[in-house]
Amino acid sequence: YADRHNEFVRHYALKLGKLGNGWWFDSCGRQDDAAWQKEMDACRAGN
């Protein structure tokens, strides 16, 4: 699931490109830095 959700984010990040300057995720829970980094990498796919 986590990889599929990252793909959901990555898809939209690529669509936006440089129009997307950032992301704000709500209601998050704890996880390790490697998992956080994968999410951040997906967010930066287009910028």
All heavy atoms as atom14 arrays in JSON, in Angstrom:
{
  "sequence": "YADRHNEFVRHYALKLGKLGNGWWFDSCGRQDDAAWQKEMDACRAGN",
  "atom14_mask": [
    [1, 1, 1, 1, 1, 1, 1, 1, 1, 1, 1, 1, 0, 0],
    [1, 1, 1, 1, 1, 0, 0, 0, 0, 0, 0, 0, 0, 0],
    [1, 1, 1, 1, 1, 1, 1, 1, 0, 0, 0, 0, 0, 0],
    [1, 1, 1, 1, 1, 1, 1, 1, 1, 1, 1, 0, 0, 0],
    [1, 1, 1, 1, 1, 1, 1, 1, 1, 1, 0, 0, 0, 0],
    [1, 1, 1, 1, 1, 1, 1, 1, 0, 0, 0, 0, 0, 0],
    [1, 1, 1, 1, 1, 1, 1, 1, 1, 0, 0, 0, 0, 0],
    [1, 1, 1, 1, 1, 1, 1, 1, 1, 1, 1, 0, 0, 0],
    [1, 1, 1, 1, 1, 1, 1, 0, 0, 0, 0, 0, 0, 0],
    [1, 1, 1, 1, 1, 1, 1, 1, 1, 1, 1, 0, 0, 0],
    [1, 1, 1, 1, 1, 1, 1, 1, 1, 1, 0, 0, 0, 0],
    [1, 1, 1, 1, 1, 1, 1, 1, 1, 1, 1, 1, 0, 0],
    [1, 1, 1, 1, 1, 0, 0, 0, 0, 0, 0, 0, 0, 0],
    [1, 1, 1, 1, 1, 1, 1, 1, 0, 0, 0, 0, 0, 0],
    [1, 1, 1, 1, 1, 1, 1, 1, 1, 0, 0, 0, 0, 0],
    [1, 1, 1, 1, 1, 1, 1, 1, 0, 0, 0, 0, 0, 0],
    [1, 1, 1, 1, 0, 0, 0, 0, 0, 0, 0, 0, 0, 0],
    [1, 1, 1, 1, 1, 1, 1, 1, 1, 0, 0, 0, 0, 0],
    [1, 1, 1, 1, 1, 1, 1, 1, 0, 0, 0, 0, 0, 0],
    [1, 1, 1, 1, 0, 0, 0, 0, 0, 0, 0, 0, 0, 0],
    [1, 1, 1, 1, 1, 1, 1, 1, 0, 0, 0, 0, 0, 0],
    [1, 1, 1, 1, 0, 0, 0, 0, 0, 0, 0, 0, 0, 0],
    [1, 1, 1, 1, 1, 1, 1, 1, 1, 1, 1, 1, 1, 1],
    [1, 1, 1, 1, 1, 1, 1, 1, 1, 1, 1, 1, 1, 1],
    [1, 1, 1, 1, 1, 1, 1, 1, 1, 1, 1, 0, 0, 0],
    [1, 1, 1, 1, 1, 1, 1, 1, 0, 0, 0, 0, 0, 0],
    [1, 1, 1, 1, 1, 1, 0, 0, 0, 0, 0, 0, 0, 0],
    [1, 1, 1, 1, 1, 1, 0, 0, 0, 0, 0, 0, 0, 0],
    [1, 1, 1, 1, 0, 0, 0, 0, 0, 0, 0, 0, 0, 0],
    [1, 1, 1, 1, 1, 1, 1, 1, 1, 1, 1, 0, 0, 0],
    [1, 1, 1, 1, 1, 1, 1, 1, 1, 0, 0, 0, 0, 0],
    [1, 1, 1, 1, 1, 1, 1, 1, 0, 0, 0, 0, 0, 0],
    [1, 1, 1, 1, 1, 1, 1, 1, 0, 0, 0, 0, 0, 0],
    [1, 1, 1, 1, 1, 0, 0, 0, 0, 0, 0, 0, 0, 0],
    [1, 1, 1, 1, 1, 0, 0, 0, 0, 0, 0, 0, 0, 0],
    [1, 1, 1, 1, 1, 1, 1, 1, 1, 1, 1, 1, 1, 1],
    [1, 1, 1, 1, 1, 1, 1, 1, 1, 0, 0, 0, 0, 0],
    [1, 1, 1, 1, 1, 1, 1, 1, 1, 0, 0, 0, 0, 0],
    [1, 1, 1, 1, 1, 1, 1, 1, 1, 0, 0, 0, 0, 0],
    [1, 1, 1, 1, 1, 1, 1, 1, 0, 0, 0, 0, 0, 0],
    [1, 1, 1, 1, 1, 1, 1, 1, 0, 0, 0, 0, 0, 0],
    [1, 1, 1, 1, 1, 0, 0, 0, 0, 0, 0, 0, 0, 0],
    [1, 1, 1, 1, 1, 1, 0, 0, 0, 0, 0, 0, 0, 0],
    [1, 1, 1, 1, 1, 1, 1, 1, 1, 1, 1, 0, 0, 0],
    [1, 1, 1, 1, 1, 0, 0, 0, 0, 0, 0, 0, 0, 0],
    [1, 1, 1, 1, 0, 0, 0, 0, 0, 0, 0, 0, 0, 0],
    [1, 1, 1, 1, 1, 1, 1, 1, 0, 0, 0, 0, 0, 0]
  ],
  "atom14_positions": [
    [[0.81, -1.22, 0.0], [0.0, 0.0, 0.0], [0.84, 1.26, 0.0], [0.56, 2.2, -0.74], [-0.95, 0.01, 1.2], [-1.55, 1.38, 1.43], [-2.56, 1.86, 0.6], [-1.07, 2.22, 2.43], [-3.09, 3.12, 0.77], [-1.59, 3.48, 2.61], [-2.6, 3.93, 1.79], [-3.1, 5.19, 1.95], [0.0, 0.0, 0.0], [0.0, 0.0, 0.0]],
    [[1.87, 1.32, 0.83], [2.68, 2.54, 0.93], [3.27, 2.91, -0.42], [3.29, 4.09, -0.8], [3.78, 2.36, 1.97], [0.0, 0.0, 0.0], [0.0, 0.0, 0.0], [0.0, 0.0, 0.0], [0.0, 0.0, 0.0], [0.0, 0.0, 0.0], [0.0, 0.0, 0.0], [0.0, 0.0, 0.0], [0.0, 0.0, 0.0], [0.0, 0.0, 0.0]],
    [[3.75, 1.91, -1.16], [4.31, 2.18, -2.49], [3.23, 2.68, -3.44], [3.48, 3.58, -4.26], [4.96, 0.93, -3.06], [6.24, 0.54, -2.33], [6.87, 1.43, -1.72], [6.6, -0.65, -2.38], [0.0, 0.0, 0.0], [0.0, 0.0, 0.0], [0.0, 0.0, 0.0], [0.0, 0.0, 0.0], [0.0, 0.0, 0.0], [0.0, 0.0, 0.0]],
    [[2.04, 2.12, -3.34], [0.94, 2.58, -4.21], [0.53, 4.01, -3.87], [0.24, 4.81, -4.77], [-0.25, 1.62, -4.1], [0.0, 0.25, -4.69], [-1.27, -0.57, -4.81], [-1.86, -0.9, -3.53], [-1.51, -1.96, -2.78], [-0.55, -2.78, -3.2], [-2.12, -2.21, -1.64], [0.0, 0.0, 0.0], [0.0, 0.0, 0.0], [0.0, 0.0, 0.0]],
    [[0.54, 4.33, -2.59], [0.2, 5.71, -2.21], [1.28, 6.67, -2.69], [0.99, 7.78, -3.15], [0.01, 5.84, -0.7], [-0.63, 7.14, -0.31], [0.11, 8.29, -0.07], [-1.93, 7.49, -0.16], [-0.71, 9.27, 0.24], [-1.95, 8.83, 0.18], [0.0, 0.0, 0.0], [0.0, 0.0, 0.0], [0.0, 0.0, 0.0], [0.0, 0.0, 0.0]],
    [[2.53, 6.26, -2.59], [3.61, 7.11, -3.12], [3.45, 7.33, -4.62], [3.73, 8.42, -5.13], [4.97, 6.48, -2.82], [5.37, 6.63, -1.36], [4.85, 7.49, -0.64], [6.27, 5.79, -0.9], [0.0, 0.0, 0.0], [0.0, 0.0, 0.0], [0.0, 0.0, 0.0], [0.0, 0.0, 0.0], [0.0, 0.0, 0.0], [0.0, 0.0, 0.0]],
    [[2.97, 6.32, -5.33], [2.74, 6.47, -6.77], [1.58, 7.43, -7.03], [1.62, 8.2, -8.0], [2.45, 5.11, -7.4], [2.33, 5.15, -8.92], [3.57, 5.72, -9.61], [4.69, 5.54, -9.07], [3.41, 6.37, -10.67], [0.0, 0.0, 0.0], [0.0, 0.0, 0.0], [0.0, 0.0, 0.0], [0.0, 0.0, 0.0], [0.0, 0.0, 0.0]],
    [[0.57, 7.4, -6.18], [-0.54, 8.36, -6.25], [-0.01, 9.79, -6.14], [-0.38, 10.67, -6.93], [-1.54, 8.05, -5.13], [-2.5, 9.14, -4.81], [-3.59, 9.4, -5.64], [-2.33, 9.92, -3.67], [-4.5, 10.42, -5.34], [-3.23, 10.93, -3.35], [-4.32, 11.17, -4.19], [0.0, 0.0, 0.0], [0.0, 0.0, 0.0], [0.0, 0.0, 0.0]],
    [[0.87, 10.01, -5.17], [1.46, 11.34, -4.99], [2.39, 11.68, -6.15], [2.35, 12.79, -6.7], [2.22, 11.4, -3.64], [3.02, 12.7, -3.53], [1.25, 11.26, -2.48], [0.0, 0.0, 0.0], [0.0, 0.0, 0.0], [0.0, 0.0, 0.0], [0.0, 0.0, 0.0], [0.0, 0.0, 0.0], [0.0, 0.0, 0.0], [0.0, 0.0, 0.0]],
    [[3.24, 10.72, -6.54], [4.21, 10.96, -7.62], [3.49, 11.33, -8.92], [3.92, 12.24, -9.63], [5.07, 9.71, -7.83], [6.13, 9.88, -8.92], [6.98, 8.64, -9.06], [7.81, 8.43, -7.88], [7.58, 7.51, -6.95], [6.54, 6.68, -7.08], [8.36, 7.39, -5.9], [0.0, 0.0, 0.0], [0.0, 0.0, 0.0], [0.0, 0.0, 0.0]],
    [[2.4, 10.65, -9.21], [1.64, 10.94, -10.43], [1.21, 12.4, -10.45], [1.36, 13.08, -11.48], [0.42, 10.02, -10.5], [-0.43, 10.25, -11.71], [-0.3, 9.49, -12.86], [-1.4, 11.17, -11.97], [-1.16, 9.92, -13.77], [-1.84, 10.94, -13.26], [0.0, 0.0, 0.0], [0.0, 0.0, 0.0], [0.0, 0.0, 0.0], [0.0, 0.0, 0.0]],
    [[0.68, 12.88, -9.33], [0.21, 14.27, -9.32], [1.37, 15.25, -9.29], [1.29, 16.33, -9.88], [-0.72, 14.51, -8.12], [-1.76, 15.55, -8.46], [-2.8, 15.27, -9.35], [-1.68, 16.84, -7.95], [-3.72, 16.23, -9.7], [-2.6, 17.8, -8.29], [-3.62, 17.49, -9.17], [-4.53, 18.45, -9.52], [0.0, 0.0, 0.0], [0.0, 0.0, 0.0]],
    [[2.45, 14.89, -8.63], [3.63, 15.76, -8.62], [4.18, 15.94, -10.03], [4.59, 17.04, -10.42], [4.7, 15.18, -7.69], [0.0, 0.0, 0.0], [0.0, 0.0, 0.0], [0.0, 0.0, 0.0], [0.0, 0.0, 0.0], [0.0, 0.0, 0.0], [0.0, 0.0, 0.0], [0.0, 0.0, 0.0], [0.0, 0.0, 0.0], [0.0, 0.0, 0.0]],
    [[4.21, 14.86, -10.81], [4.69, 14.95, -12.19], [3.74, 15.79, -13.04], [4.18, 16.55, -13.9], [4.83, 13.55, -12.78], [6.0, 12.72, -12.26], [5.88, 11.27, -12.7], [7.33, 13.32, -12.71], [0.0, 0.0, 0.0], [0.0, 0.0, 0.0], [0.0, 0.0, 0.0], [0.0, 0.0, 0.0], [0.0, 0.0, 0.0], [0.0, 0.0, 0.0]],
    [[2.44, 15.65, -12.81], [1.46, 16.46, -13.55], [1.69, 17.95, -13.29], [1.69, 18.76, -14.21], [0.04, 16.09, -13.13], [-1.04, 16.99, -13.72], [-2.33, 16.95, -12.92], [-3.15, 15.73, -13.2], [-3.92, 15.88, -14.45], [0.0, 0.0, 0.0], [0.0, 0.0, 0.0], [0.0, 0.0, 0.0], [0.0, 0.0, 0.0], [0.0, 0.0, 0.0]],
    [[1.92, 18.31, -12.03], [2.08, 19.71, -11.66], [3.43, 20.27, -12.1], [3.53, 21.45, -12.46], [1.93, 19.89, -10.16], [0.52, 19.77, -9.59], [0.57, 19.72, -8.08], [-0.34, 20.93, -10.06], [0.0, 0.0, 0.0], [0.0, 0.0, 0.0], [0.0, 0.0, 0.0], [0.0, 0.0, 0.0], [0.0, 0.0, 0.0], [0.0, 0.0, 0.0]],
    [[4.47, 19.46, -12.03], [5.82, 19.96, -12.35], [6.19, 21.12, -11.45], [5.96, 21.09, -10.24], [0.0, 0.0, 0.0], [0.0, 0.0, 0.0], [0.0, 0.0, 0.0], [0.0, 0.0, 0.0], [0.0, 0.0, 0.0], [0.0, 0.0, 0.0], [0.0, 0.0, 0.0], [0.0, 0.0, 0.0], [0.0, 0.0, 0.0], [0.0, 0.0, 0.0]],
    [[6.73, 22.17, -12.04], [7.19, 23.31, -11.26], [6.04, 24.15, -10.71], [6.26, 25.07, -9.91], [8.1, 24.2, -12.12], [9.44, 23.53, -12.47], [10.24, 23.24, -11.22], [11.6, 22.61, -11.52], [12.55, 23.52, -12.14], [0.0, 0.0, 0.0], [0.0, 0.0, 0.0], [0.0, 0.0, 0.0], [0.0, 0.0, 0.0], [0.0, 0.0, 0.0]],
    [[4.79, 23.84, -11.11], [3.63, 24.54, -10.52], [3.4, 24.1, -9.08], [2.75, 24.81, -8.32], [2.36, 24.27, -11.33], [2.31, 24.81, -12.75], [1.01, 24.39, -13.43], [2.44, 26.33, -12.76], [0.0, 0.0, 0.0], [0.0, 0.0, 0.0], [0.0, 0.0, 0.0], [0.0, 0.0, 0.0], [0.0, 0.0, 0.0], [0.0, 0.0, 0.0]],
    [[3.92, 22.92, -8.71], [3.76, 22.42, -7.35], [4.98, 22.75, -6.51], [6.03, 22.15, -6.67], [0.0, 0.0, 0.0], [0.0, 0.0, 0.0], [0.0, 0.0, 0.0], [0.0, 0.0, 0.0], [0.0, 0.0, 0.0], [0.0, 0.0, 0.0], [0.0, 0.0, 0.0], [0.0, 0.0, 0.0], [0.0, 0.0, 0.0], [0.0, 0.0, 0.0]],
    [[4.83, 23.71, -5.62], [5.97, 24.16, -4.81], [6.09, 23.44, -3.48], [7.08, 23.61, -2.78], [5.86, 25.66, -4.54], [5.85, 26.47, -5.8], [4.81, 27.0, -6.19], [7.0, 26.56, -6.48], [0.0, 0.0, 0.0], [0.0, 0.0, 0.0], [0.0, 0.0, 0.0], [0.0, 0.0, 0.0], [0.0, 0.0, 0.0], [0.0, 0.0, 0.0]],
    [[5.05, 22.66, -3.13], [5.15, 21.96, -1.86], [3.95, 21.09, -1.58], [2.96, 21.07, -2.33], [0.0, 0.0, 0.0], [0.0, 0.0, 0.0], [0.0, 0.0, 0.0], [0.0, 0.0, 0.0], [0.0, 0.0, 0.0], [0.0, 0.0, 0.0], [0.0, 0.0, 0.0], [0.0, 0.0, 0.0], [0.0, 0.0, 0.0], [0.0, 0.0, 0.0]],
    [[4.07, 20.34, -0.48], [3.02, 19.41, -0.03], [2.81, 19.56, 1.46], [3.76, 19.83, 2.21], [3.42, 17.97, -0.36], [3.44, 17.67, -1.82], [4.43, 18.03, -2.71], [2.44, 17.01, -2.57], [4.1, 17.61, -3.97], [2.87, 16.98, -3.92], [1.22, 16.42, -2.26], [2.12, 16.39, -4.93], [0.48, 15.83, -3.26], [0.93, 15.81, -4.59]],
    [[1.56, 19.38, 1.89], [1.18, 19.44, 3.32], [0.3, 18.24, 3.59], [-0.83, 18.16, 3.11], [0.43, 20.73, 3.59], [0.31, 21.2, 5.01], [1.02, 22.22, 5.6], [-0.61, 20.73, 6.02], [0.6, 22.39, 6.91], [-0.39, 21.48, 7.18], [-1.59, 19.73, 6.04], [-1.1, 21.28, 8.36], [-2.29, 19.52, 7.22], [-2.06, 20.29, 8.35]],
    [[0.83, 17.26, 4.36], [0.09, 16.02, 4.66], [-0.53, 16.1, 6.05], [0.13, 16.47, 7.02], [1.02, 14.82, 4.58], [1.47, 14.5, 3.18], [2.65, 15.02, 2.68], [0.7, 13.7, 2.36], [3.07, 14.74, 1.38], [1.09, 13.41, 1.06], [2.29, 13.94, 0.57], [0.0, 0.0, 0.0], [0.0, 0.0, 0.0], [0.0, 0.0, 0.0]],
    [[-1.79, 15.7, 6.14], [-2.56, 15.8, 7.39], [-2.68, 14.44, 8.07], [-2.63, 13.4, 7.43], [-3.96, 16.34, 7.06], [-4.63, 16.95, 8.27], [-4.04, 16.97, 9.37], [-5.78, 17.43, 8.12], [0.0, 0.0, 0.0], [0.0, 0.0, 0.0], [0.0, 0.0, 0.0], [0.0, 0.0, 0.0], [0.0, 0.0, 0.0], [0.0, 0.0, 0.0]],
    [[-2.85, 14.5, 9.4], [-3.18, 13.31, 10.21], [-2.18, 12.19, 10.02], [-2.55, 11.03, 9.82], [-4.59, 12.82, 9.88], [-5.53, 13.85, 10.09], [0.0, 0.0, 0.0], [0.0, 0.0, 0.0], [0.0, 0.0, 0.0], [0.0, 0.0, 0.0], [0.0, 0.0, 0.0], [0.0, 0.0, 0.0], [0.0, 0.0, 0.0], [0.0, 0.0, 0.0]],
    [[-0.91, 12.52, 10.09], [0.15, 11.52, 9.88], [0.49, 10.8, 11.19], [0.28, 11.33, 12.28], [1.39, 12.19, 9.32], [1.13, 12.98, 7.72], [0.0, 0.0, 0.0], [0.0, 0.0, 0.0], [0.0, 0.0, 0.0], [0.0, 0.0, 0.0], [0.0, 0.0, 0.0], [0.0, 0.0, 0.0], [0.0, 0.0, 0.0], [0.0, 0.0, 0.0]],
    [[1.05, 9.6, 11.06], [1.54, 8.85, 12.21], [3.03, 8.62, 12.11], [3.66, 8.93, 11.1], [0.0, 0.0, 0.0], [0.0, 0.0, 0.0], [0.0, 0.0, 0.0], [0.0, 0.0, 0.0], [0.0, 0.0, 0.0], [0.0, 0.0, 0.0], [0.0, 0.0, 0.0], [0.0, 0.0, 0.0], [0.0, 0.0, 0.0], [0.0, 0.0, 0.0]],
    [[3.59, 8.07, 13.15], [5.04, 7.88, 13.21], [5.49, 6.79, 12.23], [4.81, 5.81, 12.01], [5.47, 7.51, 14.62], [5.24, 8.61, 15.64], [5.84, 8.26, 16.98], [5.56, 9.32, 17.93], [6.25, 10.47, 18.01], [7.25, 10.67, 17.17], [5.94, 11.39, 18.89], [0.0, 0.0, 0.0], [0.0, 0.0, 0.0], [0.0, 0.0, 0.0]],
    [[6.68, 7.0, 11.65], [7.33, 5.97, 10.85], [8.82, 6.31, 10.8], [9.25, 7.36, 11.26], [6.73, 5.9, 9.45], [6.72, 7.18, 8.67], [5.99, 7.04, 7.34], [5.46, 6.01, 6.99], [5.99, 8.11, 6.56], [0.0, 0.0, 0.0], [0.0, 0.0, 0.0], [0.0, 0.0, 0.0], [0.0, 0.0, 0.0], [0.0, 0.0, 0.0]],
    [[9.63, 5.42, 10.23], [11.07, 5.67, 10.23], [11.45, 6.62, 9.09], [10.67, 6.88, 8.18], [11.86, 4.36, 10.16], [11.58, 3.56, 8.9], [11.36, 4.16, 7.83], [11.59, 2.32, 8.98], [0.0, 0.0, 0.0], [0.0, 0.0, 0.0], [0.0, 0.0, 0.0], [0.0, 0.0, 0.0], [0.0, 0.0, 0.0], [0.0, 0.0, 0.0]],
    [[12.69, 7.12, 9.18], [13.14, 8.13, 8.22], [13.14, 7.61, 6.79], [12.91, 8.37, 5.85], [14.54, 8.62, 8.6], [14.51, 9.58, 9.79], [13.41, 9.85, 10.31], [15.59, 10.04, 10.21], [0.0, 0.0, 0.0], [0.0, 0.0, 0.0], [0.0, 0.0, 0.0], [0.0, 0.0, 0.0], [0.0, 0.0, 0.0], [0.0, 0.0, 0.0]],
    [[13.41, 6.31, 6.61], [13.43, 5.76, 5.25], [12.05, 5.86, 4.61], [11.93, 6.19, 3.42], [13.9, 4.31, 5.29], [0.0, 0.0, 0.0], [0.0, 0.0, 0.0], [0.0, 0.0, 0.0], [0.0, 0.0, 0.0], [0.0, 0.0, 0.0], [0.0, 0.0, 0.0], [0.0, 0.0, 0.0], [0.0, 0.0, 0.0], [0.0, 0.0, 0.0]],
    [[11.0, 5.59, 5.38], [9.64, 5.7, 4.85], [9.28, 7.16, 4.57], [8.66, 7.48, 3.55], [8.64, 5.08, 5.83], [0.0, 0.0, 0.0], [0.0, 0.0, 0.0], [0.0, 0.0, 0.0], [0.0, 0.0, 0.0], [0.0, 0.0, 0.0], [0.0, 0.0, 0.0], [0.0, 0.0, 0.0], [0.0, 0.0, 0.0], [0.0, 0.0, 0.0]],
    [[9.67, 8.06, 5.49], [9.44, 9.49, 5.24], [10.13, 9.91, 3.95], [9.56, 10.65, 3.14], [9.99, 10.33, 6.39], [9.29, 10.29, 7.7], [9.86, 9.99, 8.91], [7.91, 10.57, 7.97], [8.92, 10.07, 9.9], [7.72, 10.43, 9.35], [6.83, 10.93, 7.16], [6.48, 10.64, 9.97], [5.59, 11.13, 7.77], [5.42, 10.99, 9.15]],
    [[11.37, 9.45, 3.75], [12.15, 9.87, 2.59], [11.49, 9.4, 1.3], [11.49, 10.13, 0.29], [13.57, 9.33, 2.68], [14.51, 9.89, 1.63], [14.68, 11.39, 1.77], [15.09, 11.9, 2.82], [14.35, 12.15, 0.71], [0.0, 0.0, 0.0], [0.0, 0.0, 0.0], [0.0, 0.0, 0.0], [0.0, 0.0, 0.0], [0.0, 0.0, 0.0]],
    [[10.93, 8.2, 1.29], [10.24, 7.71, 0.09], [9.06, 8.61, -0.26], [8.82, 8.91, -1.44], [9.77, 6.27, 0.29], [10.89, 5.24, 0.24], [10.33, 3.84, 0.39], [11.43, 2.79, 0.32], [10.89, 1.41, 0.48], [0.0, 0.0, 0.0], [0.0, 0.0, 0.0], [0.0, 0.0, 0.0], [0.0, 0.0, 0.0], [0.0, 0.0, 0.0]],
    [[8.32, 9.05, 0.76], [7.2, 9.95, 0.5], [7.69, 11.29, -0.04], [7.11, 11.85, -0.98], [6.39, 10.17, 1.78], [5.62, 8.96, 2.24], [4.56, 9.31, 3.27], [3.69, 10.15, 2.97], [4.61, 8.74, 4.38], [0.0, 0.0, 0.0], [0.0, 0.0, 0.0], [0.0, 0.0, 0.0], [0.0, 0.0, 0.0], [0.0, 0.0, 0.0]],
    [[8.76, 11.81, 0.55], [9.29, 13.09, 0.1], [9.83, 13.0, -1.33], [9.65, 13.93, -2.13], [10.37, 13.57, 1.08], [9.81, 13.84, 2.47], [11.07, 14.18, 3.72], [11.42, 15.89, 3.4], [0.0, 0.0, 0.0], [0.0, 0.0, 0.0], [0.0, 0.0, 0.0], [0.0, 0.0, 0.0], [0.0, 0.0, 0.0], [0.0, 0.0, 0.0]],
    [[10.44, 11.88, -1.67], [10.93, 11.69, -3.03], [9.77, 11.7, -4.03], [9.89, 12.27, -5.13], [11.7, 10.37, -3.14], [13.03, 10.39, -2.42], [13.51, 11.5, -2.08], [13.59, 9.31, -2.18], [0.0, 0.0, 0.0], [0.0, 0.0, 0.0], [0.0, 0.0, 0.0], [0.0, 0.0, 0.0], [0.0, 0.0, 0.0], [0.0, 0.0, 0.0]],
    [[8.64, 11.07, -3.66], [7.47, 11.08, -4.53], [6.96, 12.5, -4.72], [6.59, 12.91, -5.83], [6.37, 10.19, -3.94], [0.0, 0.0, 0.0], [0.0, 0.0, 0.0], [0.0, 0.0, 0.0], [0.0, 0.0, 0.0], [0.0, 0.0, 0.0], [0.0, 0.0, 0.0], [0.0, 0.0, 0.0], [0.0, 0.0, 0.0], [0.0, 0.0, 0.0]],
    [[6.95, 13.28, -3.65], [6.48, 14.66, -3.73], [7.34, 15.52, -4.66], [6.86, 16.47, -5.26], [6.49, 15.3, -2.34], [5.29, 14.6, -1.18], [0.0, 0.0, 0.0], [0.0, 0.0, 0.0], [0.0, 0.0, 0.0], [0.0, 0.0, 0.0], [0.0, 0.0, 0.0], [0.0, 0.0, 0.0], [0.0, 0.0, 0.0], [0.0, 0.0, 0.0]],
    [[8.62, 15.18, -4.76], [9.56, 15.99, -5.54], [9.77, 15.46, -6.96], [10.65, 15.93, -7.68], [10.91, 16.04, -4.82], [10.84, 16.7, -3.45], [12.25, 17.02, -2.94], [12.19, 17.56, -1.59], [12.58, 16.9, -0.5], [13.06, 15.66, -0.61], [12.5, 17.46, 0.69], [0.0, 0.0, 0.0], [0.0, 0.0, 0.0], [0.0, 0.0, 0.0]],
    [[8.92, 14.52, -7.38], [9.1, 13.91, -8.7], [8.99, 14.93, -9.82], [9.66, 14.8, -10.85], [8.09, 12.79, -8.91], [0.0, 0.0, 0.0], [0.0, 0.0, 0.0], [0.0, 0.0, 0.0], [0.0, 0.0, 0.0], [0.0, 0.0, 0.0], [0.0, 0.0, 0.0], [0.0, 0.0, 0.0], [0.0, 0.0, 0.0], [0.0, 0.0, 0.0]],
    [[8.15, 15.94, -9.65], [7.97, 16.95, -10.7], [8.71, 18.23, -10.44], [8.86, 19.07, -11.34], [0.0, 0.0, 0.0], [0.0, 0.0, 0.0], [0.0, 0.0, 0.0], [0.0, 0.0, 0.0], [0.0, 0.0, 0.0], [0.0, 0.0, 0.0], [0.0, 0.0, 0.0], [0.0, 0.0, 0.0], [0.0, 0.0, 0.0], [0.0, 0.0, 0.0]],
    [[9.18, 18.42, -9.21], [9.9, 19.63, -8.84], [10.85, 19.28, -7.7], [10.42, 19.12, -6.56], [8.93, 20.73, -8.4], [9.64, 22.01, -8.0], [10.86, 22.11, -8.07], [8.88, 23.01, -7.58], [0.0, 0.0, 0.0], [0.0, 0.0, 0.0], [0.0, 0.0, 0.0], [0.0, 0.0, 0.0], [0.0, 0.0, 0.0], [0.0, 0.0, 0.0]]
  ]
}
